[in-house]
PDB file of N, CA and C in Angstrom:
ATOM      1  N   MET A   1       0.822  -1.190   0.000  1.00  0.00           N
ATOM      2  CA  MET A   1       0.000   0.000   0.000  1.00  0.00           C
ATOM      3  C   MET A   1       0.867   1.254   0.000  1.00  0.00           C
ATOM      4  N   ASP A   2       2.123   1.143  -0.369  1.00  0.00           N
ATOM      5  CA  ASP A   2       2.987   2.313  -0.346  1.00  0.00           C
ATOM      6  C   ASP A   2       2.884   3.137  -1.613  1.00  0.00           C
ATOM      7  N   ARG A   3       2.094   2.705  -2.564  1.00  0.00           N
ATOM      8  CA  ARG A   3       1.865   3.487  -3.775  1.00  0.00           C
ATOM      9  C   ARG A   3       0.373   3.560  -4.032  1.00  0.00           C
ATOM     10  N   ILE A   4      -0.070   4.749  -4.392  1.00  0.00           N
ATOM     11  CA  ILE A   4      -1.455   4.876  -4.818  1.00  0.00           C
ATOM     12  C   ILE A   4      -1.467   5.577  -6.156  1.00  0.00           C
ATOM     13  N   TYR A   5      -2.368   5.177  -6.973  1.00  0.00           N
ATOM     14  CA  TYR A   5      -2.479   5.757  -8.297  1.00  0.00           C
ATOM     15  C   TYR A   5      -3.879   6.346  -8.443  1.00  0.00           C
ATOM     16  N   VAL A   6      -4.085   7.471  -7.825  1.00  0.00           N
ATOM     17  CA  VAL A   6      -5.391   8.118  -7.916  1.00  0.00           C
ATOM     18  C   VAL A   6      -5.282   9.443  -8.644  1.00  0.00           C
ATOM     19  N   THR A   7      -4.228   9.583  -9.444  1.00  0.00           N
ATOM     20  CA  THR A   7      -4.085  10.796 -10.228  1.00  0.00           C
ATOM     21  C   THR A   7      -4.632  10.592 -11.637  1.00  0.00           C
ATOM     22  N   ASP A   8      -5.303   9.480 -11.866  1.00  0.00           N
ATOM     23  CA  ASP A   8      -5.953   9.219 -13.141  1.00  0.00           C
ATOM     24  C   ASP A   8      -6.934  10.352 -13.424  1.00  0.00           C
ATOM     25  N   SER A   9      -7.085  10.712 -14.677  1.00  0.00           N
ATOM     26  CA  SER A   9      -7.953  11.832 -15.024  1.00  0.00           C
ATOM     27  C   SER A   9      -9.432  11.497 -14.849  1.00  0.00           C
ATOM     28  N   SER A  10      -9.750  10.260 -14.647  1.00  0.00           N
ATOM     29  CA  SER A  10     -11.139   9.847 -14.476  1.00  0.00           C
ATOM     30  C   SER A  10     -11.590  10.084 -13.040  1.00  0.00           C
ATOM     31  N   SER A  11     -12.440  11.085 -12.841  1.00  0.00           N
ATOM     32  CA  SER A  11     -12.843  11.426 -11.474  1.00  0.00           C
ATOM     33  C   SER A  11     -13.670  10.313 -10.833  1.00  0.00           C
ATOM     34  N   TRP A  12     -14.432   9.558 -11.616  1.00  0.00           N
ATOM     35  CA  TRP A  12     -15.216   8.480 -11.006  1.00  0.00           C
ATOM     36  C   TRP A  12     -14.292   7.401 -10.460  1.00  0.00           C
ATOM     37  N   LEU A  13     -13.164   7.158 -11.146  1.00  0.00           N
ATOM     38  CA  LEU A  13     -12.198   6.175 -10.669  1.00  0.00           C
ATOM     39  C   LEU A  13     -11.531   6.674  -9.385  1.00  0.00           C
ATOM     40  N   GLN A  14     -11.182   7.944  -9.357  1.00  0.00           N
ATOM     41  CA  GLN A  14     -10.592   8.526  -8.142  1.00  0.00           C
ATOM     42  C   GLN A  14     -11.552   8.380  -6.968  1.00  0.00           C
ATOM     43  N   GLN A  15     -12.812   8.703  -7.188  1.00  0.00           N
ATOM     44  CA  GLN A  15     -13.790   8.591  -6.108  1.00  0.00           C
ATOM     45  C   GLN A  15     -13.949   7.149  -5.639  1.00  0.00           C
ATOM     46  N   ALA A  16     -13.966   6.222  -6.558  1.00  0.00           N
ATOM     47  CA  ALA A  16     -14.104   4.808  -6.194  1.00  0.00           C
ATOM     48  C   ALA A  16     -12.913   4.346  -5.369  1.00  0.00           C
ATOM     49  N   ILE A  17     -11.711   4.743  -5.766  1.00  0.00           N
ATOM     50  CA  ILE A  17     -10.513   4.361  -5.020  1.00  0.00           C
ATOM     51  C   ILE A  17     -10.536   4.975  -3.626  1.00  0.00           C
ATOM     52  N   GLU A  18     -10.936   6.234  -3.530  1.00  0.00           N
ATOM     53  CA  GLU A  18     -10.981   6.895  -2.228  1.00  0.00           C
ATOM     54  C   GLU A  18     -12.046   6.283  -1.320  1.00  0.00           C
ATOM     55  N   GLN A  19     -13.176   5.884  -1.894  1.00  0.00           N
ATOM     56  CA  GLN A  19     -14.206   5.214  -1.093  1.00  0.00           C
ATOM     57  C   GLN A  19     -13.712   3.863  -0.594  1.00  0.00           C
ATOM     58  N   LEU A  20     -12.986   3.152  -1.437  1.00  0.00           N
ATOM     59  CA  LEU A  20     -12.403   1.875  -1.027  1.00  0.00           C
ATOM     60  C   LEU A  20     -11.399   2.092   0.106  1.00  0.00           C
ATOM     61  N   LEU A  21     -10.542   3.083  -0.045  1.00  0.00           N
ATOM     62  CA  LEU A  21      -9.557   3.394   0.983  1.00  0.00           C
ATOM     63  C   LEU A  21     -10.244   3.738   2.303  1.00  0.00           C
ATOM     64  N   GLU A  22     -11.271   4.550   2.230  1.00  0.00           N
ATOM     65  CA  GLU A  22     -12.007   4.927   3.434  1.00  0.00           C
ATOM     66  C   GLU A  22     -12.619   3.699   4.112  1.00  0.00           C
ATOM     67  N   ALA A  23     -13.199   2.814   3.327  1.00  0.00           N
ATOM     68  CA  ALA A  23     -13.794   1.595   3.888  1.00  0.00           C
ATOM     69  C   ALA A  23     -12.727   0.711   4.525  1.00  0.00           C
ATOM     70  N   LEU A  24     -11.572   0.587   3.885  1.00  0.00           N
ATOM     71  CA  LEU A  24     -10.489  -0.217   4.453  1.00  0.00           C
ATOM     72  C   LEU A  24     -10.046   0.334   5.808  1.00  0.00           C
ATOM     73  N   VAL A  25      -9.871   1.641   5.879  1.00  0.00           N
ATOM     74  CA  VAL A  25      -9.410   2.249   7.128  1.00  0.00           C
ATOM     75  C   VAL A  25     -10.441   2.060   8.228  1.00  0.00           C
ATOM     76  N   LYS A  26     -11.703   2.197   7.900  1.00  0.00           N
ATOM     77  CA  LYS A  26     -12.756   2.094   8.914  1.00  0.00           C
ATOM     78  C   LYS A  26     -13.009   0.652   9.366  1.00  0.00           C
ATOM     79  N   ASN A  27     -12.717  -0.321   8.488  1.00  0.00           N
ATOM     80  CA  ASN A  27     -13.137  -1.688   8.785  1.00  0.00           C
ATOM     81  C   ASN A  27     -12.036  -2.720   8.954  1.00  0.00           C
ATOM     82  N   CYS A  28     -10.806  -2.404   8.600  1.00  0.00           N
ATOM     83  CA  CYS A  28      -9.776  -3.442   8.567  1.00  0.00           C
ATOM     84  C   CYS A  28      -8.729  -3.346   9.672  1.00  0.00           C
ATOM     85  N   GLY A  29      -8.844  -2.412  10.560  1.00  0.00           N
ATOM     86  CA  GLY A  29      -8.010  -2.404  11.747  1.00  0.00           C
ATOM     87  C   GLY A  29      -6.603  -1.861  11.615  1.00  0.00           C
ATOM     88  N   LYS A  30      -5.816  -2.201  12.611  1.00  0.00           N
ATOM     89  CA  LYS A  30      -4.502  -1.619  12.845  1.00  0.00           C
ATOM     90  C   LYS A  30      -3.526  -1.798  11.686  1.00  0.00           C
ATOM     91  N   ILE A  31      -3.540  -2.925  11.021  1.00  0.00           N
ATOM     92  CA  ILE A  31      -2.581  -3.150   9.945  1.00  0.00           C
ATOM     93  C   ILE A  31      -2.762  -2.125   8.826  1.00  0.00           C
ATOM     94  N   VAL A  32      -4.006  -1.788   8.493  1.00  0.00           N
ATOM     95  CA  VAL A  32      -4.266  -0.768   7.476  1.00  0.00           C
ATOM     96  C   VAL A  32      -3.922   0.606   8.029  1.00  0.00           C
ATOM     97  N   HIS A  33      -4.213   0.837   9.289  1.00  0.00           N
ATOM     98  CA  HIS A  33      -3.892   2.125   9.910  1.00  0.00           C
ATOM     99  C   HIS A  33      -2.392   2.404   9.838  1.00  0.00           C
ATOM    100  N   ILE A  34      -1.604   1.386  10.075  1.00  0.00           N
ATOM    101  CA  ILE A  34      -0.145   1.542  10.006  1.00  0.00           C
ATOM    102  C   ILE A  34       0.286   1.861   8.572  1.00  0.00           C
ATOM    103  N   GLU A  35      -0.341   1.232   7.609  1.00  0.00           N
ATOM    104  CA  GLU A  35       0.003   1.475   6.208  1.00  0.00           C
ATOM    105  C   GLU A  35      -0.296   2.905   5.777  1.00  0.00           C
ATOM    106  N   ILE A  36      -1.419   3.466   6.238  1.00  0.00           N
ATOM    107  CA  ILE A  36      -1.738   4.839   5.815  1.00  0.00           C
ATOM    108  C   ILE A  36      -0.860   5.861   6.519  1.00  0.00           C
ATOM    109  N   ALA A  37      -0.226   5.483   7.613  1.00  0.00           N
ATOM    110  CA  ALA A  37       0.659   6.400   8.327  1.00  0.00           C
ATOM    111  C   ALA A  37       2.073   6.345   7.748  1.00  0.00           C
ATOM    112  N   ASN A  38       2.172   6.061   6.481  1.00  0.00           N
ATOM    113  CA  ASN A  38       3.432   5.964   5.765  1.00  0.00           C
ATOM    114  C   ASN A  38       3.662   7.272   5.009  1.00  0.00           C
ATOM    115  N   GLU A  39       4.865   7.814   5.116  1.00  0.00           N
ATOM    116  CA  GLU A  39       5.159   9.118   4.503  1.00  0.00           C
ATOM    117  C   GLU A  39       4.894   9.135   2.999  1.00  0.00           C
ATOM    118  N   GLY A  40       5.323   8.119   2.299  1.00  0.00           N
ATOM    119  CA  GLY A  40       5.107   8.065   0.860  1.00  0.00           C
ATOM    120  C   GLY A  40       3.635   8.025   0.491  1.00  0.00           C
ATOM    121  N   PHE A  41       2.878   7.245   1.227  1.00  0.00           N
ATOM    122  CA  PHE A  41       1.439   7.142   0.985  1.00  0.00           C
ATOM    123  C   PHE A  41       0.765   8.485   1.198  1.00  0.00           C
ATOM    124  N   LEU A  42       1.067   9.137   2.329  1.00  0.00           N
ATOM    125  CA  LEU A  42       0.436  10.416   2.634  1.00  0.00           C
ATOM    126  C   LEU A  42       0.869  11.508   1.661  1.00  0.00           C
ATOM    127  N   ARG A  43       2.109  11.473   1.233  1.00  0.00           N
ATOM    128  CA  ARG A  43       2.586  12.454   0.248  1.00  0.00           C
ATOM    129  C   ARG A  43       1.808  12.295  -1.060  1.00  0.00           C
ATOM    130  N   ALA A  44       1.615  11.044  -1.486  1.00  0.00           N
ATOM    131  CA  ALA A  44       0.860  10.783  -2.717  1.00  0.00           C
ATOM    132  C   ALA A  44      -0.599  11.208  -2.569  1.00  0.00           C
ATOM    133  N   LEU A  45      -1.161  10.976  -1.399  1.00  0.00           N
ATOM    134  CA  LEU A  45      -2.546  11.384  -1.154  1.00  0.00           C
ATOM    135  C   LEU A  45      -2.677  12.903  -1.201  1.00  0.00           C
ATOM    136  N   LYS A  46      -1.745  13.606  -0.568  1.00  0.00           N
ATOM    137  CA  LYS A  46      -1.794  15.067  -0.561  1.00  0.00           C
ATOM    138  C   LYS A  46      -1.563  15.637  -1.957  1.00  0.00           C
ATOM    139  N   ALA A  47      -0.801  14.946  -2.777  1.00  0.00           N
ATOM    140  CA  ALA A  47      -0.512  15.431  -4.133  1.00  0.00           C
ATOM    141  C   ALA A  47      -1.770  15.550  -4.992  1.00  0.00           C
ATOM    142  N   ILE A  48      -2.828  14.916  -4.593  1.00  0.00           N
ATOM    143  CA  ILE A  48      -4.076  14.962  -5.349  1.00  0.00           C
ATOM    144  C   ILE A  48      -4.740  16.332  -5.247  1.00  0.00           C
ATOM    145  N   ILE A  49      -4.604  17.008  -4.114  1.00  0.00           N
ATOM    146  CA  ILE A  49      -5.463  18.150  -3.822  1.00  0.00           C
ATOM    147  C   ILE A  49      -4.938  19.551  -4.131  1.00  0.00           C
ATOM    148  N   PRO A  50      -3.670  19.767  -4.489  1.00  0.00           N
ATOM    149  CA  PRO A  50      -3.265  21.143  -4.770  1.00  0.00           C
ATOM    150  C   PRO A  50      -4.074  21.748  -5.912  1.00  0.00           C
ATOM    151  N   PRO A  51      -4.315  23.063  -5.836  1.00  0.00           N
ATOM    152  CA  PRO A  51      -5.091  23.724  -6.894  1.00  0.00           C
ATOM    153  C   PRO A  51      -4.522  23.512  -8.295  1.00  0.00           C
ATOM    154  N   LYS A  52      -3.190  23.367  -8.416  1.00  0.00           N
ATOM    155  CA  LYS A  52      -2.599  23.172  -9.746  1.00  0.00           C
ATOM    156  C   LYS A  52      -3.079  21.877 -10.400  1.00  0.00           C
ATOM    157  N   ASN A  53      -3.486  20.895  -9.579  1.00  0.00           N
ATOM    158  CA  ASN A  53      -4.016  19.640 -10.114  1.00  0.00           C
ATOM    159  C   ASN A  53      -5.489  19.747 -10.462  1.00  0.00           C
ATOM    160  N   ASN A  54      -6.133  20.806  -9.970  1.00  0.00           N
ATOM    161  CA  ASN A  54      -7.535  21.076 -10.256  1.00  0.00           C
ATOM    162  C   ASN A  54      -8.429  19.850 -10.053  1.00  0.00           C
ATOM    163  N   PRO A  55      -8.381  19.251  -8.847  1.00  0.00           N
ATOM    164  CA  PRO A  55      -9.232  18.072  -8.630  1.00  0.00           C
ATOM    165  C   PRO A  55     -10.697  18.495  -8.559  1.00  0.00           C
ATOM    166  N   PRO A  56     -11.594  17.653  -9.014  1.00  0.00           N
ATOM    167  CA  PRO A  56     -13.019  17.969  -8.838  1.00  0.00           C
ATOM    168  C   PRO A  56     -13.314  18.156  -7.346  1.00  0.00           C
ATOM    169  N   LEU A  57     -14.222  19.067  -7.043  1.00  0.00           N
ATOM    170  CA  LEU A  57     -14.527  19.405  -5.650  1.00  0.00           C
ATOM    171  C   LEU A  57     -14.879  18.187  -4.799  1.00  0.00           C
ATOM    172  N   PRO A  58     -15.705  17.244  -5.283  1.00  0.00           N
ATOM    173  CA  PRO A  58     -16.012  16.074  -4.441  1.00  0.00           C
ATOM    174  C   PRO A  58     -14.759  15.278  -4.065  1.00  0.00           C
ATOM    175  N   ILE A  59     -13.801  15.193  -4.967  1.00  0.00           N
ATOM    176  CA  ILE A  59     -12.575  14.447  -4.684  1.00  0.00           C
ATOM    177  C   ILE A  59     -11.736  15.194  -3.655  1.00  0.00           C
ATOM    178  N   GLU A  60     -11.578  16.494  -3.847  1.00  0.00           N
ATOM    179  CA  GLU A  60     -10.826  17.288  -2.875  1.00  0.00           C
ATOM    180  C   GLU A  60     -11.460  17.191  -1.488  1.00  0.00           C
ATOM    181  N   GLU A  61     -12.776  17.310  -1.421  1.00  0.00           N
ATOM    182  CA  GLU A  61     -13.469  17.213  -0.132  1.00  0.00           C
ATOM    183  C   GLU A  61     -13.281  15.837   0.495  1.00  0.00           C
ATOM    184  N   GLN A  62     -13.325  14.796  -0.324  1.00  0.00           N
ATOM    185  CA  GLN A  62     -13.177  13.438   0.203  1.00  0.00           C
ATOM    186  C   GLN A  62     -11.770  13.218   0.759  1.00  0.00           C
ATOM    187  N   VAL A  63     -10.750  13.668   0.045  1.00  0.00           N
ATOM    188  CA  VAL A  63      -9.372  13.518   0.515  1.00  0.00           C
ATOM    189  C   VAL A  63      -9.169  14.308   1.804  1.00  0.00           C
ATOM    190  N   LEU A  64      -9.610  15.557   1.818  1.00  0.00           N
ATOM    191  CA  LEU A  64      -9.464  16.370   3.029  1.00  0.00           C
ATOM    192  C   LEU A  64     -10.268  15.779   4.184  1.00  0.00           C
ATOM    193  N   GLY A  65     -11.446  15.253   3.881  1.00  0.00           N
ATOM    194  CA  GLY A  65     -12.263  14.615   4.915  1.00  0.00           C
ATOM    195  C   GLY A  65     -11.574  13.402   5.519  1.00  0.00           C
ATOM    196  N   MET A  66     -10.904  12.602   4.669  1.00  0.00           N
ATOM    197  CA  MET A  66     -10.181  11.433   5.185  1.00  0.00           C
ATOM    198  C   MET A  66      -9.020  11.871   6.079  1.00  0.00           C
ATOM    199  N   ILE A  67      -8.263  12.866   5.640  1.00  0.00           N
ATOM    200  CA  ILE A  67      -7.132  13.348   6.439  1.00  0.00           C
ATOM    201  C   ILE A  67      -7.632  13.848   7.790  1.00  0.00           C
ATOM    202  N   GLN A  68      -8.718  14.581   7.771  1.00  0.00           N
ATOM    203  CA  GLN A  68      -9.291  15.104   9.016  1.00  0.00           C
ATOM    204  C   GLN A  68      -9.802  13.967   9.899  1.00  0.00           C
ATOM    205  N   TYR A  69     -10.509  13.030   9.311  1.00  0.00           N
ATOM    206  CA  TYR A  69     -11.044  11.891  10.051  1.00  0.00           C
ATOM    207  C   TYR A  69      -9.914  11.121  10.735  1.00  0.00           C
ATOM    208  N   TRP A  70      -8.860  10.839   9.964  1.00  0.00           N
ATOM    209  CA  TRP A  70      -7.741  10.084  10.522  1.00  0.00           C
ATOM    210  C   TRP A  70      -7.058  10.855  11.645  1.00  0.00           C
ATOM    211  N   THR A  71      -6.957  12.157  11.498  1.00  0.00           N
ATOM    212  CA  THR A  71      -6.338  12.973  12.546  1.00  0.00           C
ATOM    213  C   THR A  71      -7.126  12.853  13.845  1.00  0.00           C
ATOM    214  N   PHE A  72      -8.432  12.976  13.748  1.00  0.00           N
ATOM    215  CA  PHE A  72      -9.270  12.863  14.948  1.00  0.00           C
ATOM    216  C   PHE A  72      -9.286  11.434  15.479  1.00  0.00           C
ATOM    217  N   ALA A  73      -9.391  10.471  14.573  1.00  0.00           N
ATOM    218  CA  ALA A  73      -9.523   9.078  14.982  1.00  0.00           C
ATOM    219  C   ALA A  73      -8.279   8.550  15.677  1.00  0.00           C
ATOM    220  N   PHE A  74      -7.106   8.925  15.190  1.00  0.00           N
ATOM    221  CA  PHE A  74      -5.879   8.386  15.757  1.00  0.00           C
ATOM    222  C   PHE A  74      -5.324   9.235  16.885  1.00  0.00           C
ATOM    223  N   GLY A  75      -5.904  10.417  17.077  1.00  0.00           N
ATOM    224  CA  GLY A  75      -5.541  11.255  18.216  1.00  0.00           C
ATOM    225  C   GLY A  75      -4.055  11.312  18.485  1.00  0.00           C
ATOM    226  N   ASP A  76      -3.685  10.920  19.667  1.00  0.00           N
ATOM    227  CA  ASP A  76      -2.286  10.985  20.089  1.00  0.00           C
ATOM    228  C   ASP A  76      -1.596   9.629  20.058  1.00  0.00           C
ATOM    229  N   GLU A  77      -2.137   8.691  19.280  1.00  0.00           N
ATOM    230  CA  GLU A  77      -1.523   7.368  19.216  1.00  0.00           C
ATOM    231  C   GLU A  77      -0.104   7.460  18.674  1.00  0.00           C
ATOM    232  N   PRO A  78       0.839   6.792  19.330  1.00  0.00           N
ATOM    233  CA  PRO A  78       2.213   6.776  18.817  1.00  0.00           C
ATOM    234  C   PRO A  78       2.261   6.174  17.413  1.00  0.00           C
ATOM    235  N   GLY A  79       3.093   6.743  16.562  1.00  0.00           N
ATOM    236  CA  GLY A  79       3.244   6.251  15.208  1.00  0.00           C
ATOM    237  C   GLY A  79       2.348   6.942  14.196  1.00  0.00           C
ATOM    238  N   PHE A  80       1.416   7.764  14.667  1.00  0.00           N
ATOM    239  CA  PHE A  80       0.487   8.428  13.765  1.00  0.00           C
ATOM    240  C   PHE A  80       0.687   9.940  13.736  1.00  0.00           C
ATOM    241  N   GLU A  81       1.832  10.391  14.240  1.00  0.00           N
ATOM    242  CA  GLU A  81       2.138  11.820  14.260  1.00  0.00           C
ATOM    243  C   GLU A  81       2.148  12.394  12.850  1.00  0.00           C
ATOM    244  N   ILE A  82       2.582  11.608  11.889  1.00  0.00           N
ATOM    245  CA  ILE A  82       2.692  12.068  10.509  1.00  0.00           C
ATOM    246  C   ILE A  82       1.333  12.489   9.938  1.00  0.00           C
ATOM    247  N   ILE A  83       0.265  11.847  10.384  1.00  0.00           N
ATOM    248  CA  ILE A  83      -1.073  12.212   9.917  1.00  0.00           C
ATOM    249  C   ILE A  83      -1.461  13.563  10.503  1.00  0.00           C
ATOM    250  N   ARG A  84      -1.181  13.755  11.789  1.00  0.00           N
ATOM    251  CA  ARG A  84      -1.476  15.063  12.403  1.00  0.00           C
ATOM    252  C   ARG A  84      -0.653  16.163  11.747  1.00  0.00           C
ATOM    253  N   GLU A  85       0.596  15.855  11.407  1.00  0.00           N
ATOM    254  CA  GLU A  85       1.449  16.845  10.735  1.00  0.00           C
ATOM    255  C   GLU A  85       0.885  17.212   9.365  1.00  0.00           C
ATOM    256  N   LEU A  86       0.416  16.230   8.616  1.00  0.00           N
ATOM    257  CA  LEU A  86      -0.178  16.496   7.310  1.00  0.00           C
ATOM    258  C   LEU A  86      -1.425  17.369   7.465  1.00  0.00           C
ATOM    259  N   TYR A  87      -2.233  17.080   8.459  1.00  0.00           N
ATOM    260  CA  TYR A  87      -3.442  17.871   8.722  1.00  0.00           C
ATOM    261  C   TYR A  87      -3.061  19.325   8.994  1.00  0.00           C
ATOM    262  N   GLN A  88      -2.032  19.532   9.820  1.00  0.00           N
ATOM    263  CA  GLN A  88      -1.589  20.896  10.133  1.00  0.00           C
ATOM    264  C   GLN A  88      -1.047  21.604   8.893  1.00  0.00           C
ATOM    265  N   VAL A  89      -0.279  20.905   8.081  1.00  0.00           N
ATOM    266  CA  VAL A  89       0.263  21.492   6.848  1.00  0.00           C
ATOM    267  C   VAL A  89      -0.885  21.922   5.934  1.00  0.00           C
ATOM    268  N   CYS A  90      -1.877  21.075   5.788  1.00  0.00           N
ATOM    269  CA  CYS A  90      -3.024  21.411   4.940  1.00  0.00           C
ATOM    270  C   CYS A  90      -3.770  22.630   5.486  1.00  0.00           C
ATOM    271  N   LYS A  91      -3.929  22.697   6.793  1.00  0.00           N
ATOM    272  CA  LYS A  91      -4.586  23.866   7.390  1.00  0.00           C
ATOM    273  C   LYS A  91      -3.766  25.126   7.145  1.00  0.00           C
ATOM    274  N   GLU A  92      -2.440  25.023   7.295  1.00  0.00           N
ATOM    275  CA  GLU A  92      -1.567  26.175   7.064  1.00  0.00           C
ATOM    276  C   GLU A  92      -1.605  26.620   5.604  1.00  0.00           C
ATOM    277  N   GLN A  93      -1.868  25.690   4.701  1.00  0.00           N
ATOM    278  CA  GLN A  93      -1.964  26.013   3.283  1.00  0.00           C
ATOM    279  C   GLN A  93      -3.386  26.424   2.891  1.00  0.00           C
ATOM    280  N   HIS A  94      -4.237  26.610   3.904  1.00  0.00           N
ATOM    281  CA  HIS A  94      -5.603  27.138   3.748  1.00  0.00           C
ATOM    282  C   HIS A  94      -6.549  26.230   2.968  1.00  0.00           C
ATOM    283  N   PHE A  95      -6.307  24.925   3.052  1.00  0.00           N
ATOM    284  CA  PHE A  95      -7.300  24.009   2.512  1.00  0.00           C
ATOM    285  C   PHE A  95      -8.518  24.062   3.418  1.00  0.00           C
ATOM    286  N   LYS A  96      -9.695  23.948   2.847  1.00  0.00           N
ATOM    287  CA  LYS A  96     -10.936  23.997   3.624  1.00  0.00           C
ATOM    288  C   LYS A  96     -11.422  22.574   3.885  1.00  0.00           C
ATOM    289  N   PHE A  97     -11.417  22.229   5.160  1.00  0.00           N
ATOM    290  CA  PHE A  97     -11.869  20.900   5.568  1.00  0.00           C
ATOM    291  C   PHE A  97     -13.378  20.905   5.747  1.00  0.00           C
ATOM    292  N   PRO A  98     -14.007  19.770   5.451  1.00  0.00           N
ATOM    293  CA  PRO A  98     -15.458  19.694   5.673  1.00  0.00           C
ATOM    294  C   PRO A  98     -15.769  19.728   7.165  1.00  0.00           C
ATOM    295  N   PRO A  99     -16.967  20.151   7.525  1.00  0.00           N
ATOM    296  CA  PRO A  99     -17.331  20.133   8.951  1.00  0.00           C
ATOM    297  C   PRO A  99     -17.275  18.697   9.475  1.00  0.00           C
ATOM    298  N   ALA A 100     -16.797  18.550  10.697  1.00  0.00           N
ATOM    299  CA  ALA A 100     -16.704  17.205  11.276  1.00  0.00           C
ATOM    300  C   ALA A 100     -17.090  17.254  12.747  1.00  0.00           C
ATOM    301  N   ASP A 101     -17.737  16.204  13.179  1.00  0.00           N
ATOM    302  CA  ASP A 101     -18.075  16.036  14.581  1.00  0.00           C
ATOM    303  C   ASP A 101     -16.968  15.183  15.187  1.00  0.00           C
ATOM    304  N   GLU A 102     -15.986  15.835  15.806  1.00  0.00           N
ATOM    305  CA  GLU A 102     -14.806  15.132  16.308  1.00  0.00           C
ATOM    306  C   GLU A 102     -15.170  14.012  17.273  1.00  0.00           C
ATOM    307  N   GLN A 103     -16.119  14.224  18.154  1.00  0.00           N
ATOM    308  CA  GLN A 103     -16.491  13.204  19.131  1.00  0.00           C
ATOM    309  C   GLN A 103     -17.067  11.971  18.437  1.00  0.00           C
ATOM    310  N   HIS A 104     -17.911  12.164  17.405  1.00  0.00           N
ATOM    311  CA  HIS A 104     -18.484  11.039  16.667  1.00  0.00           C
ATOM    312  C   HIS A 104     -17.391  10.246  15.939  1.00  0.00           C
ATOM    313  N   VAL A 105     -16.433  10.955  15.357  1.00  0.00           N
ATOM    314  CA  VAL A 105     -15.337  10.301  14.640  1.00  0.00           C
ATOM    315  C   VAL A 105     -14.545   9.418  15.586  1.00  0.00           C
ATOM    316  N   ILE A 106     -14.213   9.941  16.747  1.00  0.00           N
ATOM    317  CA  ILE A 106     -13.421   9.176  17.713  1.00  0.00           C
ATOM    318  C   ILE A 106     -14.188   7.952  18.190  1.00  0.00           C
ATOM    319  N   GLN A 107     -15.467   8.099  18.497  1.00  0.00           N
ATOM    320  CA  GLN A 107     -16.251   6.959  18.950  1.00  0.00           C
ATOM    321  C   GLN A 107     -16.356   5.904  17.859  1.00  0.00           C
ATOM    322  N   THR A 108     -16.531   6.325  16.617  1.00  0.00           N
ATOM    323  CA  THR A 108     -16.629   5.382  15.498  1.00  0.00           C
ATOM    324  C   THR A 108     -15.331   4.611  15.346  1.00  0.00           C
ATOM    325  N   SER A 109     -14.198   5.299  15.413  1.00  0.00           N
ATOM    326  CA  SER A 109     -12.926   4.618  15.206  1.00  0.00           C
ATOM    327  C   SER A 109     -12.612   3.658  16.349  1.00  0.00           C
ATOM    328  N   LEU A 110     -12.982   3.999  17.566  1.00  0.00           N
ATOM    329  CA  LEU A 110     -12.724   3.121  18.688  1.00  0.00           C
ATOM    330  C   LEU A 110     -13.572   1.868  18.626  1.00  0.00           C
ATOM    331  N   SER A 111     -14.759   1.981  18.062  1.00  0.00           N
ATOM    332  CA  SER A 111     -15.634   0.817  18.007  1.00  0.00           C
ATOM    333  C   SER A 111     -15.198  -0.191  16.945  1.00  0.00           C
ATOM    334  N   THR A 112     -14.306   0.213  16.005  1.00  0.00           N
ATOM    335  CA  THR A 112     -13.888  -0.709  14.952  1.00  0.00           C
ATOM    336  C   THR A 112     -12.526  -1.331  15.209  1.00  0.00           C
ATOM    337  N   GLU A 113     -11.875  -1.014  16.308  1.00  0.00           N
ATOM    338  CA  GLU A 113     -10.542  -1.575  16.589  1.00  0.00           C
ATOM    339  C   GLU A 113     -10.628  -2.993  17.091  1.00  0.00           C
TER     340      GLU A 113
END
């Protein structure tokens, strides 16, 4: 899982891949969580959303939503600092994150571990 290919010009394919990724993270436990906390993976994920790539709005929102969800879900767990750092970098670069209920996200993630 150290490479993702979601830069395909087909937005429906990008959305399908992102939905699959989201489902894996929510349902497959710690082994997938460790994989997404990989620098190369997160760099590739972030590469989707810069304005120069002009991603369709639903894709940008989905990627930012996943980054935000993971930040809240993994909280202060050791080994997941890189996700919090990516979230902060995106905020500093003025990306607009979707509204999120942090308490609901945390409860959801704890119930799937």
